[in-house]
């Protein structure tokens, strides 16, 4: 696997994952956890209810998490204090995990997810894997949400997701699973099964599955291995697949004459969506162009600039 390509993508993906968990908690100032989880320790409960700006939920600079949470009707407790307590108190952590599994309220589950992903560790991972293996839809969803906080450098995480993709299912579920295959810097031998499964799904009858699969394939496979799937996707009858393929080519190191020709055709075709024409013109900046191709690209770029100006 190309580490130079994957490492920056992995860093961005990790940041997005943290923000996704934290996004649940920004719009609610406090999370109401069951009183059975016990009152926070004195050092945790001593935190003030409001920060210096006069608001409840703002976290430390650069953190996607809130500064305070409330346990039941207790005094507000520091998010960081709760994270540390869960990391050092197995019983408290198990209570949080059970509440996350069973709480019917989406907001509360989202806030618990943010806290548990911040805790991480082996206990949370084992629980996530056990839930993800469940045939009960709600448990599987909870397990997959927790697994989203772990890198695919972990073999057990990769295998759990691949097993579910190999088992098949409805298209929307497959799309969600594919999106969890965020790239990681792993040896080629470990990347190969992921790339092989994505290559299979890139031929799926459902266009949304094909679109997500080809996008992820470009990040997992070596450029030469991904080239055929990318070219096929650029010619796909489904607009969603073509759009994803354009972005996948731009984000990969895959380069060939037929990829260039397909991008030029999209960029120059007035019937193409304006966004696709602009993305194709942008992707072509990384290709070597003949004088005639350069003239086509310049016209496409000018049209894309005009479209952008009209959109603004």
C-alpha atoms as a PDB file:
ATOM      1  CA  UNK A   1       0.000   0.000   0.000  1.00  0.00           C
ATOM      2  CA  UNK A   2       1.242   3.501  -0.808  1.00  0.00           C
ATOM      3  CA  UNK A   3       2.039   5.005   2.618  1.00  0.00           C
ATOM      4  CA  UNK A   4       2.631   8.490   1.198  1.00  0.00           C
ATOM      5  CA  UNK A   5      -0.892   8.459  -0.155  1.00  0.00           C
ATOM      6  CA  UNK A   6      -2.575   6.882   2.860  1.00  0.00           C
ATOM      7  CA  UNK A   7      -1.034   8.676   5.820  1.00  0.00           C
ATOM      8  CA  UNK A   8      -2.456  12.161   5.122  1.00  0.00           C
ATOM      9  CA  UNK A   9      -5.816  10.605   4.252  1.00  0.00           C
ATOM     10  CA  UNK A  10      -5.762   8.632   7.505  1.00  0.00           C
ATOM     11  CA  UNK A  11      -5.061  11.787   9.517  1.00  0.00           C
ATOM     12  CA  UNK A  12      -7.965  13.603   7.862  1.00  0.00           C
ATOM     13  CA  UNK A  13     -10.235  10.608   8.357  1.00  0.00           C
ATOM     14  CA  UNK A  14      -9.376  10.404  12.052  1.00  0.00           C
ATOM     15  CA  UNK A  15     -10.161  14.099  12.460  1.00  0.00           C
ATOM     16  CA  UNK A  16     -13.468  13.664  10.653  1.00  0.00           C
ATOM     17  CA  UNK A  17     -14.300  10.675  12.873  1.00  0.00           C
ATOM     18  CA  UNK A  18     -13.654  12.681  16.010  1.00  0.00           C
ATOM     19  CA  UNK A  19     -15.726  15.561  14.707  1.00  0.00           C
ATOM     20  CA  UNK A  20     -18.545  13.194  13.774  1.00  0.00           C
ATOM     21  CA  UNK A  21     -18.727  11.892  17.323  1.00  0.00           C
ATOM     22  CA  UNK A  22     -18.375  15.365  18.773  1.00  0.00           C
ATOM     23  CA  UNK A  23     -21.058  16.760  16.491  1.00  0.00           C
ATOM     24  CA  UNK A  24     -23.661  14.911  18.524  1.00  0.00           C
ATOM     25  CA  UNK A  25     -22.767  16.857  21.620  1.00  0.00           C
ATOM     26  CA  UNK A  26     -22.379  20.404  20.370  1.00  0.00           C
ATOM     27  CA  UNK A  27     -26.061  21.207  20.134  1.00  0.00           C
ATOM     28  CA  UNK A  28     -26.851  19.978  23.649  1.00  0.00           C
ATOM     29  CA  UNK A  29     -25.189  21.575  26.634  1.00  0.00           C
ATOM     30  CA  UNK A  30     -25.565  18.660  29.045  1.00  0.00           C
ATOM     31  CA  UNK A  31     -26.078  14.911  28.770  1.00  0.00           C
ATOM     32  CA  UNK A  32     -28.519  13.403  31.260  1.00  0.00           C
ATOM     33  CA  UNK A  33     -27.190   9.983  32.270  1.00  0.00           C
ATOM     34  CA  UNK A  34     -29.125   7.581  34.448  1.00  0.00           C
ATOM     35  CA  UNK A  35     -28.729   8.148  38.192  1.00  0.00           C
ATOM     36  CA  UNK A  36     -27.704   4.478  38.436  1.00  0.00           C
ATOM     37  CA  UNK A  37     -24.354   5.492  36.989  1.00  0.00           C
ATOM     38  CA  UNK A  38     -23.668   7.176  40.325  1.00  0.00           C
ATOM     39  CA  UNK A  39     -22.766  10.735  41.139  1.00  0.00           C
ATOM     40  CA  UNK A  40     -19.466  12.068  39.832  1.00  0.00           C
ATOM     41  CA  UNK A  41     -16.504  12.165  42.114  1.00  0.00           C
ATOM     42  CA  UNK A  42     -15.880  15.365  43.995  1.00  0.00           C
ATOM     43  CA  UNK A  43     -13.108  16.510  41.691  1.00  0.00           C
ATOM     44  CA  UNK A  44     -15.340  15.984  38.665  1.00  0.00           C
ATOM     45  CA  UNK A  45     -18.385  17.630  40.193  1.00  0.00           C
ATOM     46  CA  UNK A  46     -16.523  20.762  41.150  1.00  0.00           C
ATOM     47  CA  UNK A  47     -16.544  22.134  37.594  1.00  0.00           C
ATOM     48  CA  UNK A  48     -18.651  25.270  37.121  1.00  0.00           C
ATOM     49  CA  UNK A  49     -21.865  24.996  35.149  1.00  0.00           C
ATOM     50  CA  UNK A  50     -20.897  27.719  32.692  1.00  0.00           C
ATOM     51  CA  UNK A  51     -17.705  28.599  30.944  1.00  0.00           C
ATOM     52  CA  UNK A  52     -16.194  32.056  30.795  1.00  0.00           C
ATOM     53  CA  UNK A  53     -18.157  32.881  27.654  1.00  0.00           C
ATOM     54  CA  UNK A  54     -21.417  32.226  29.488  1.00  0.00           C
ATOM     55  CA  UNK A  55     -22.339  29.055  27.579  1.00  0.00           C
ATOM     56  CA  UNK A  56     -22.595  25.422  28.623  1.00  0.00           C
ATOM     57  CA  UNK A  57     -21.244  23.260  25.840  1.00  0.00           C
ATOM     58  CA  UNK A  58     -18.129  24.903  24.459  1.00  0.00           C
ATOM     59  CA  UNK A  59     -15.065  22.682  24.710  1.00  0.00           C
ATOM     60  CA  UNK A  60     -11.413  23.468  24.946  1.00  0.00           C
ATOM     61  CA  UNK A  61      -9.900  25.153  21.911  1.00  0.00           C
ATOM     62  CA  UNK A  62      -9.478  22.631  19.123  1.00  0.00           C
ATOM     63  CA  UNK A  63     -11.525  19.920  20.863  1.00  0.00           C
ATOM     64  CA  UNK A  64     -14.703  18.528  19.254  1.00  0.00           C
ATOM     65  CA  UNK A  65     -16.052  17.658  22.698  1.00  0.00           C
ATOM     66  CA  UNK A  66     -17.973  19.767  25.238  1.00  0.00           C
ATOM     67  CA  UNK A  67     -16.388  20.928  28.466  1.00  0.00           C
ATOM     68  CA  UNK A  68     -19.109  19.698  30.817  1.00  0.00           C
ATOM     69  CA  UNK A  69     -21.648  16.882  31.051  1.00  0.00           C
ATOM     70  CA  UNK A  70     -24.197  16.199  33.808  1.00  0.00           C
ATOM     71  CA  UNK A  71     -24.773  12.787  35.365  1.00  0.00           C
ATOM     72  CA  UNK A  72     -28.463  12.480  36.129  1.00  0.00           C
ATOM     73  CA  UNK A  73     -29.461  15.405  38.331  1.00  0.00           C
ATOM     74  CA  UNK A  74     -25.952  15.805  39.700  1.00  0.00           C
ATOM     75  CA  UNK A  75     -23.711  18.801  39.335  1.00  0.00           C
ATOM     76  CA  UNK A  76     -22.077  19.291  35.955  1.00  0.00           C
ATOM     77  CA  UNK A  77     -18.925  17.238  35.532  1.00  0.00           C
ATOM     78  CA  UNK A  78     -15.935  17.764  33.313  1.00  0.00           C
ATOM     79  CA  UNK A  79     -16.000  15.729  30.091  1.00  0.00           C
ATOM     80  CA  UNK A  80     -12.295  15.043  30.578  1.00  0.00           C
ATOM     81  CA  UNK A  81     -12.909  13.887  34.147  1.00  0.00           C
ATOM     82  CA  UNK A  82     -15.593  11.478  32.935  1.00  0.00           C
ATOM     83  CA  UNK A  83     -13.268  10.186  30.233  1.00  0.00           C
ATOM     84  CA  UNK A  84     -10.519   9.549  32.768  1.00  0.00           C
ATOM     85  CA  UNK A  85     -12.921   7.887  35.172  1.00  0.00           C
ATOM     86  CA  UNK A  86     -14.249   5.561  32.472  1.00  0.00           C
ATOM     87  CA  UNK A  87     -10.688   4.707  31.489  1.00  0.00           C
ATOM     88  CA  UNK A  88      -9.769   3.749  35.077  1.00  0.00           C
ATOM     89  CA  UNK A  89     -13.059   2.408  36.487  1.00  0.00           C
ATOM     90  CA  UNK A  90     -14.209  -0.779  34.672  1.00  0.00           C
ATOM     91  CA  UNK A  91     -17.624  -0.823  36.363  1.00  0.00           C
ATOM     92  CA  UNK A  92     -18.322   2.769  35.358  1.00  0.00           C
ATOM     93  CA  UNK A  93     -17.228   2.023  31.792  1.00  0.00           C
ATOM     94  CA  UNK A  94     -19.532  -1.003  31.608  1.00  0.00           C
ATOM     95  CA  UNK A  95     -22.430   1.141  32.776  1.00  0.00           C
ATOM     96  CA  UNK A  96     -21.700   3.624  30.003  1.00  0.00           C
ATOM     97  CA  UNK A  97     -21.510   0.843  27.419  1.00  0.00           C
ATOM     98  CA  UNK A  98     -24.812  -0.674  28.517  1.00  0.00           C
ATOM     99  CA  UNK A  99     -26.493   2.723  28.468  1.00  0.00           C
ATOM    100  CA  UNK A 100     -25.147   3.370  24.967  1.00  0.00           C
ATOM    101  CA  UNK A 101     -26.516   0.026  23.797  1.00  0.00           C
ATOM    102  CA  UNK A 102     -29.971   0.438  25.293  1.00  0.00           C
ATOM    103  CA  UNK A 103     -30.794   4.155  25.415  1.00  0.00           C
ATOM    104  CA  UNK A 104     -33.598   4.868  22.917  1.00  0.00           C
ATOM    105  CA  UNK A 105     -32.865   8.602  22.703  1.00  0.00           C
ATOM    106  CA  UNK A 106     -30.704   9.487  19.648  1.00  0.00           C
ATOM    107  CA  UNK A 107     -29.224  12.574  21.327  1.00  0.00           C
ATOM    108  CA  UNK A 108     -28.184  10.676  24.445  1.00  0.00           C
ATOM    109  CA  UNK A 109     -26.728   7.848  22.362  1.00  0.00           C
ATOM    110  CA  UNK A 110     -24.764  10.343  20.306  1.00  0.00           C
ATOM    111  CA  UNK A 111     -23.336  11.983  23.398  1.00  0.00           C
ATOM    112  CA  UNK A 112     -22.414   8.628  24.890  1.00  0.00           C
ATOM    113  CA  UNK A 113     -20.797   7.654  21.594  1.00  0.00           C
ATOM    114  CA  UNK A 114     -18.596  10.751  21.731  1.00  0.00           C
ATOM    115  CA  UNK A 115     -17.540   9.918  25.282  1.00  0.00           C
ATOM    116  CA  UNK A 116     -16.863   6.237  24.548  1.00  0.00           C
ATOM    117  CA  UNK A 117     -14.882   7.020  21.411  1.00  0.00           C
ATOM    118  CA  UNK A 118     -12.803   9.434  23.463  1.00  0.00           C
ATOM    119  CA  UNK A 119     -12.187   6.645  25.999  1.00  0.00           C
ATOM    120  CA  UNK A 120     -11.300   4.016  23.379  1.00  0.00           C
ATOM    121  CA  UNK A 121      -9.158   1.116  24.588  1.00  0.00           C
ATOM    122  CA  UNK A 122      -9.459  -2.644  24.455  1.00  0.00           C
ATOM    123  CA  UNK A 123     -12.623  -2.991  26.560  1.00  0.00           C
ATOM    124  CA  UNK A 124     -14.581  -0.646  24.293  1.00  0.00           C
ATOM    125  CA  UNK A 125     -13.199  -2.391  21.212  1.00  0.00           C
ATOM    126  CA  UNK A 126     -14.194  -5.856  22.451  1.00  0.00           C
ATOM    127  CA  UNK A 127     -17.684  -4.613  23.266  1.00  0.00           C
ATOM    128  CA  UNK A 128     -17.951  -2.941  19.847  1.00  0.00           C
ATOM    129  CA  UNK A 129     -16.934  -6.144  18.066  1.00  0.00           C
ATOM    130  CA  UNK A 130     -19.442  -8.217  20.026  1.00  0.00           C
ATOM    131  CA  UNK A 131     -22.277  -5.801  19.233  1.00  0.00           C
ATOM    132  CA  UNK A 132     -21.300  -5.535  15.573  1.00  0.00           C
ATOM    133  CA  UNK A 133     -21.471  -9.336  15.282  1.00  0.00           C
ATOM    134  CA  UNK A 134     -25.062  -9.363  16.561  1.00  0.00           C
ATOM    135  CA  UNK A 135     -27.981 -10.252  14.311  1.00  0.00           C
ATOM    136  CA  UNK A 136     -30.073  -7.686  16.196  1.00  0.00           C
ATOM    137  CA  UNK A 137     -30.125  -4.585  14.015  1.00  0.00           C
ATOM    138  CA  UNK A 138     -29.930  -2.072  16.864  1.00  0.00           C
ATOM    139  CA  UNK A 139     -26.953  -3.845  18.438  1.00  0.00           C
ATOM    140  CA  UNK A 140     -25.156  -4.143  15.115  1.00  0.00           C
ATOM    141  CA  UNK A 141     -25.646  -0.416  14.474  1.00  0.00           C
ATOM    142  CA  UNK A 142     -24.300   0.448  17.924  1.00  0.00           C
ATOM    143  CA  UNK A 143     -21.274  -1.787  17.415  1.00  0.00           C
ATOM    144  CA  UNK A 144     -20.482  -0.289  14.023  1.00  0.00           C
ATOM    145  CA  UNK A 145     -20.766   3.219  15.451  1.00  0.00           C
ATOM    146  CA  UNK A 146     -18.222   2.338  18.134  1.00  0.00           C
ATOM    147  CA  UNK A 147     -15.928   0.644  15.607  1.00  0.00           C
ATOM    148  CA  UNK A 148     -15.900   3.888  13.636  1.00  0.00           C
ATOM    149  CA  UNK A 149     -13.621   5.294  16.317  1.00  0.00           C
ATOM    150  CA  UNK A 150     -10.875   2.723  15.633  1.00  0.00           C
ATOM    151  CA  UNK A 151      -8.275   2.697  12.886  1.00  0.00           C
ATOM    152  CA  UNK A 152      -8.344  -0.044  10.296  1.00  0.00           C
ATOM    153  CA  UNK A 153      -4.748  -0.701  11.234  1.00  0.00           C
ATOM    154  CA  UNK A 154      -6.403  -3.043  13.739  1.00  0.00           C
ATOM    155  CA  UNK A 155      -6.833  -6.411  12.024  1.00  0.00           C
ATOM    156  CA  UNK A 156      -9.948  -7.285  14.026  1.00  0.00           C
ATOM    157  CA  UNK A 157     -11.674  -4.084  12.908  1.00  0.00           C
ATOM    158  CA  UNK A 158     -10.853  -4.728   9.243  1.00  0.00           C
ATOM    159  CA  UNK A 159     -11.991  -8.322   9.442  1.00  0.00           C
ATOM    160  CA  UNK A 160     -15.262  -7.448  11.156  1.00  0.00           C
ATOM    161  CA  UNK A 161     -16.190  -4.976   8.413  1.00  0.00           C
ATOM    162  CA  UNK A 162     -15.034  -7.236   5.596  1.00  0.00           C
ATOM    163  CA  UNK A 163     -17.010 -10.176   6.988  1.00  0.00           C
ATOM    164  CA  UNK A 164     -20.179  -8.104   6.928  1.00  0.00           C
ATOM    165  CA  UNK A 165     -19.538  -6.895   3.389  1.00  0.00           C
ATOM    166  CA  UNK A 166     -18.894 -10.447   2.198  1.00  0.00           C
ATOM    167  CA  UNK A 167     -22.170 -11.542   3.769  1.00  0.00           C
ATOM    168  CA  UNK A 168     -24.049  -8.979   1.680  1.00  0.00           C
ATOM    169  CA  UNK A 169     -27.213  -7.136   2.570  1.00  0.00           C
ATOM    170  CA  UNK A 170     -29.294  -4.204   1.443  1.00  0.00           C
ATOM    171  CA  UNK A 171     -27.560  -1.465  -0.541  1.00  0.00           C
ATOM    172  CA  UNK A 172     -27.804   1.272   2.101  1.00  0.00           C
ATOM    173  CA  UNK A 173     -26.205  -0.956   4.732  1.00  0.00           C
ATOM    174  CA  UNK A 174     -23.408  -1.848   2.325  1.00  0.00           C
ATOM    175  CA  UNK A 175     -22.795   1.839   1.602  1.00  0.00           C
ATOM    176  CA  UNK A 176     -22.486   2.553   5.328  1.00  0.00           C
ATOM    177  CA  UNK A 177     -20.041  -0.323   5.753  1.00  0.00           C
ATOM    178  CA  UNK A 178     -17.933   0.832   2.807  1.00  0.00           C
ATOM    179  CA  UNK A 179     -17.728   4.326   4.282  1.00  0.00           C
ATOM    180  CA  UNK A 180     -16.251   2.808   7.442  1.00  0.00           C
ATOM    181  CA  UNK A 181     -13.322   1.464   5.401  1.00  0.00           C
ATOM    182  CA  UNK A 182     -11.341   4.641   5.922  1.00  0.00           C
ATOM    183  CA  UNK A 183      -7.789   4.217   4.645  1.00  0.00           C
ATOM    184  CA  UNK A 184      -5.008   3.196   6.998  1.00  0.00           C
ATOM    185  CA  UNK A 185      -1.284   2.674   6.589  1.00  0.00           C
ATOM    186  CA  UNK A 186      -1.028  -1.118   6.619  1.00  0.00           C
ATOM    187  CA  UNK A 187       1.233  -3.655   4.855  1.00  0.00           C
ATOM    188  CA  UNK A 188       0.267  -4.606   1.321  1.00  0.00           C
ATOM    189  CA  UNK A 189      -0.718  -8.097   2.485  1.00  0.00           C
ATOM    190  CA  UNK A 190      -3.278  -6.567   4.852  1.00  0.00           C
ATOM    191  CA  UNK A 191      -4.556  -4.004   2.344  1.00  0.00           C
ATOM    192  CA  UNK A 192      -5.061  -6.624  -0.384  1.00  0.00           C
ATOM    193  CA  UNK A 193      -8.268  -8.220   1.031  1.00  0.00           C
ATOM    194  CA  UNK A 194      -9.817  -4.775   1.506  1.00  0.00           C
ATOM    195  CA  UNK A 195      -8.937  -3.736  -2.044  1.00  0.00           C
ATOM    196  CA  UNK A 196     -10.240  -7.051  -3.421  1.00  0.00           C
ATOM    197  CA  UNK A 197     -13.598  -6.654  -1.680  1.00  0.00           C
ATOM    198  CA  UNK A 198     -13.916  -3.053  -2.851  1.00  0.00           C
ATOM    199  CA  UNK A 199     -13.054  -4.078  -6.407  1.00  0.00           C
ATOM    200  CA  UNK A 200     -15.910  -6.591  -6.291  1.00  0.00           C
ATOM    201  CA  UNK A 201     -18.323  -4.007  -4.928  1.00  0.00           C
ATOM    202  CA  UNK A 202     -17.247  -1.539  -7.619  1.00  0.00           C
ATOM    203  CA  UNK A 203     -19.223  -3.808 -10.006  1.00  0.00           C
ATOM    204  CA  UNK A 204     -22.301  -3.975  -7.767  1.00  0.00           C
ATOM    205  CA  UNK A 205     -25.723  -3.556  -9.449  1.00  0.00           C
ATOM    206  CA  UNK A 206     -26.543  -0.637  -7.136  1.00  0.00           C
ATOM    207  CA  UNK A 207     -25.000   2.655  -8.322  1.00  0.00           C
ATOM    208  CA  UNK A 208     -24.562   4.085  -4.827  1.00  0.00           C
ATOM    209  CA  UNK A 209     -22.618   0.992  -3.766  1.00  0.00           C
ATOM    210  CA  UNK A 210     -20.464   1.231  -6.906  1.00  0.00           C
ATOM    211  CA  UNK A 211     -19.809   4.909  -6.265  1.00  0.00           C
ATOM    212  CA  UNK A 212     -18.637   4.471  -2.683  1.00  0.00           C
ATOM    213  CA  UNK A 213     -16.647   1.345  -3.501  1.00  0.00           C
ATOM    214  CA  UNK A 214     -14.657   2.907  -6.334  1.00  0.00           C
ATOM    215  CA  UNK A 215     -13.884   5.969  -4.223  1.00  0.00           C
ATOM    216  CA  UNK A 216     -12.496   3.867  -1.375  1.00  0.00           C
ATOM    217  CA  UNK A 217     -10.764   1.472  -3.772  1.00  0.00           C
ATOM    218  CA  UNK A 218      -8.664   4.340  -5.142  1.00  0.00           C
ATOM    219  CA  UNK A 219      -7.326   4.878  -1.626  1.00  0.00           C
ATOM    220  CA  UNK A 220      -6.671   1.229  -0.736  1.00  0.00           C
ATOM    221  CA  UNK A 221      -5.308  -0.196  -3.982  1.00  0.00           C
ATOM    222  CA  UNK A 222      -2.093   0.660  -5.758  1.00  0.00           C
ATOM    223  CA  UNK A 223      -2.758   3.137  -8.599  1.00  0.00           C
ATOM    224  CA  UNK A 224      -2.200   0.547 -11.326  1.00  0.00           C
ATOM    225  CA  UNK A 225      -4.610  -1.859  -9.589  1.00  0.00           C
ATOM    226  CA  UNK A 226      -7.322   0.791  -9.274  1.00  0.00           C
ATOM    227  CA  UNK A 227      -7.001   2.131 -12.817  1.00  0.00           C
ATOM    228  CA  UNK A 228      -9.405  -0.292 -14.488  1.00  0.00           C
ATOM    229  CA  UNK A 229     -12.173   0.277 -11.939  1.00  0.00           C
ATOM    230  CA  UNK A 230     -11.655   4.048 -12.123  1.00  0.00           C
ATOM    231  CA  UNK A 231     -11.885   4.059 -15.911  1.00  0.00           C
ATOM    232  CA  UNK A 232     -15.031   1.949 -15.856  1.00  0.00           C
ATOM    233  CA  UNK A 233     -16.559   4.257 -13.252  1.00  0.00           C
ATOM    234  CA  UNK A 234     -15.784   7.380 -15.308  1.00  0.00           C
ATOM    235  CA  UNK A 235     -17.885   5.828 -18.097  1.00  0.00           C
ATOM    236  CA  UNK A 236     -20.626   4.580 -15.762  1.00  0.00           C
ATOM    237  CA  UNK A 237     -24.207   5.399 -16.824  1.00  0.00           C
ATOM    238  CA  UNK A 238     -24.974   6.606 -13.273  1.00  0.00           C
ATOM    239  CA  UNK A 239     -24.055  10.233 -12.629  1.00  0.00           C
ATOM    240  CA  UNK A 240     -23.298   9.544  -8.952  1.00  0.00           C
ATOM    241  CA  UNK A 241     -20.696   6.941  -9.910  1.00  0.00           C
ATOM    242  CA  UNK A 242     -19.034   9.258 -12.435  1.00  0.00           C
ATOM    243  CA  UNK A 243     -18.855  12.064  -9.890  1.00  0.00           C
ATOM    244  CA  UNK A 244     -17.207   9.850  -7.274  1.00  0.00           C
ATOM    245  CA  UNK A 245     -14.807   8.477  -9.864  1.00  0.00           C
ATOM    246  CA  UNK A 246     -13.643  11.963 -10.851  1.00  0.00           C
ATOM    247  CA  UNK A 247     -12.870  12.794  -7.235  1.00  0.00           C
ATOM    248  CA  UNK A 248     -11.229   9.400  -6.751  1.00  0.00           C
ATOM    249  CA  UNK A 249      -8.872   9.964  -9.687  1.00  0.00           C
ATOM    250  CA  UNK A 250      -8.013  13.447  -8.409  1.00  0.00           C
ATOM    251  CA  UNK A 251      -7.185  12.043  -4.966  1.00  0.00           C
ATOM    252  CA  UNK A 252      -5.124   9.119  -6.218  1.00  0.00           C
ATOM    253  CA  UNK A 253      -1.926   8.658  -8.198  1.00  0.00           C
ATOM    254  CA  UNK A 254      -3.665   6.646 -10.925  1.00  0.00           C
ATOM    255  CA  UNK A 255      -2.721   8.058 -14.338  1.00  0.00           C
ATOM    256  CA  UNK A 256      -3.259   6.620 -17.807  1.00  0.00           C
ATOM    257  CA  UNK A 257      -4.147   7.790 -21.291  1.00  0.00           C
ATOM    258  CA  UNK A 258      -7.661   6.393 -21.054  1.00  0.00           C
ATOM    259  CA  UNK A 259      -8.293   8.072 -17.698  1.00  0.00           C
ATOM    260  CA  UNK A 260      -7.148  11.338 -19.261  1.00  0.00           C
ATOM    261  CA  UNK A 261      -9.395  10.824 -22.304  1.00  0.00           C
ATOM    262  CA  UNK A 262     -12.411  10.090 -20.110  1.00  0.00           C
ATOM    263  CA  UNK A 263     -11.792  13.184 -17.990  1.00  0.00           C
ATOM    264  CA  UNK A 264     -11.353  15.358 -21.086  1.00  0.00           C
ATOM    265  CA  UNK A 265     -14.643  14.035 -22.459  1.00  0.00           C
ATOM    266  CA  UNK A 266     -16.475  14.889 -19.244  1.00  0.00           C
ATOM    267  CA  UNK A 267     -14.842  18.307 -18.943  1.00  0.00           C
ATOM    268  CA  UNK A 268     -15.706  19.221 -22.542  1.00  0.00           C
ATOM    269  CA  UNK A 269     -19.244  17.796 -22.606  1.00  0.00           C
ATOM    270  CA  UNK A 270     -21.871  20.535 -22.102  1.00  0.00           C
ATOM    271  CA  UNK A 271     -24.316  17.796 -21.079  1.00  0.00           C
ATOM    272  CA  UNK A 272     -22.168  16.927 -18.053  1.00  0.00           C
ATOM    273  CA  UNK A 273     -23.141  18.412 -14.713  1.00  0.00           C
ATOM    274  CA  UNK A 274     -21.298  21.712 -14.095  1.00  0.00           C
ATOM    275  CA  UNK A 275     -19.752  20.316 -10.914  1.00  0.00           C
ATOM    276  CA  UNK A 276     -18.439  17.290 -12.781  1.00  0.00           C
ATOM    277  CA  UNK A 277     -16.998  19.432 -15.564  1.00  0.00           C
ATOM    278  CA  UNK A 278     -15.185  21.583 -13.042  1.00  0.00           C
ATOM    279  CA  UNK A 279     -13.914  18.590 -11.060  1.00  0.00           C
ATOM    280  CA  UNK A 280     -12.703  16.883 -14.230  1.00  0.00           C
ATOM    281  CA  UNK A 281     -10.878  20.022 -15.342  1.00  0.00           C
ATOM    282  CA  UNK A 282      -9.246  20.238 -11.929  1.00  0.00           C
ATOM    283  CA  UNK A 283      -8.199  16.570 -12.000  1.00  0.00           C
ATOM    284  CA  UNK A 284      -6.625  17.062 -15.440  1.00  0.00           C
ATOM    285  CA  UNK A 285      -4.105  19.488 -13.985  1.00  0.00           C
ATOM    286  CA  UNK A 286      -2.125  16.441 -12.812  1.00  0.00           C
ATOM    287  CA  UNK A 287      -1.955  14.883 -16.298  1.00  0.00           C
ATOM    288  CA  UNK A 288       0.502  15.571 -19.097  1.00  0.00           C
ATOM    289  CA  UNK A 289      -1.428  17.142 -21.994  1.00  0.00           C
ATOM    290  CA  UNK A 290      -0.603  17.507 -25.648  1.00  0.00           C
ATOM    291  CA  UNK A 291      -1.125  20.885 -27.327  1.00  0.00           C
ATOM    292  CA  UNK A 292      -4.562  19.829 -28.627  1.00  0.00           C
ATOM    293  CA  UNK A 293      -5.531  18.376 -25.244  1.00  0.00           C
ATOM    294  CA  UNK A 294      -4.326  21.522 -23.517  1.00  0.00           C
ATOM    295  CA  UNK A 295      -6.586  23.620 -25.755  1.00  0.00           C
ATOM    296  CA  UNK A 296      -9.548  21.416 -24.810  1.00  0.00           C
ATOM    297  CA  UNK A 297      -8.625  21.711 -21.151  1.00  0.00           C
ATOM    298  CA  UNK A 298      -8.359  25.511 -21.324  1.00  0.00           C
ATOM    299  CA  UNK A 299     -11.846  25.764 -22.836  1.00  0.00           C
ATOM    300  CA  UNK A 300     -13.200  23.392 -20.199  1.00  0.00           C
ATOM    301  CA  UNK A 301     -11.514  25.353 -17.435  1.00  0.00           C
ATOM    302  CA  UNK A 302     -12.925  28.637 -18.738  1.00  0.00           C
ATOM    303  CA  UNK A 303     -16.402  27.093 -18.854  1.00  0.00           C
ATOM    304  CA  UNK A 304     -15.970  25.758 -15.312  1.00  0.00           C
ATOM    305  CA  UNK A 305     -14.876  29.209 -14.105  1.00  0.00           C
ATOM    306  CA  UNK A 306     -17.920  30.736 -15.777  1.00  0.00           C
ATOM    307  CA  UNK A 307     -20.207  28.144 -14.185  1.00  0.00           C
ATOM    308  CA  UNK A 308     -18.644  28.883 -10.813  1.00  0.00           C
ATOM    309  CA  UNK A 309     -19.206  32.593 -11.267  1.00  0.00           C
ATOM    310  CA  UNK A 310     -22.850  32.068 -12.194  1.00  0.00           C
ATOM    311  CA  UNK A 311     -23.317  29.803  -9.171  1.00  0.00           C
ATOM    312  CA  UNK A 312     -21.871  32.458  -6.863  1.00  0.00           C
END
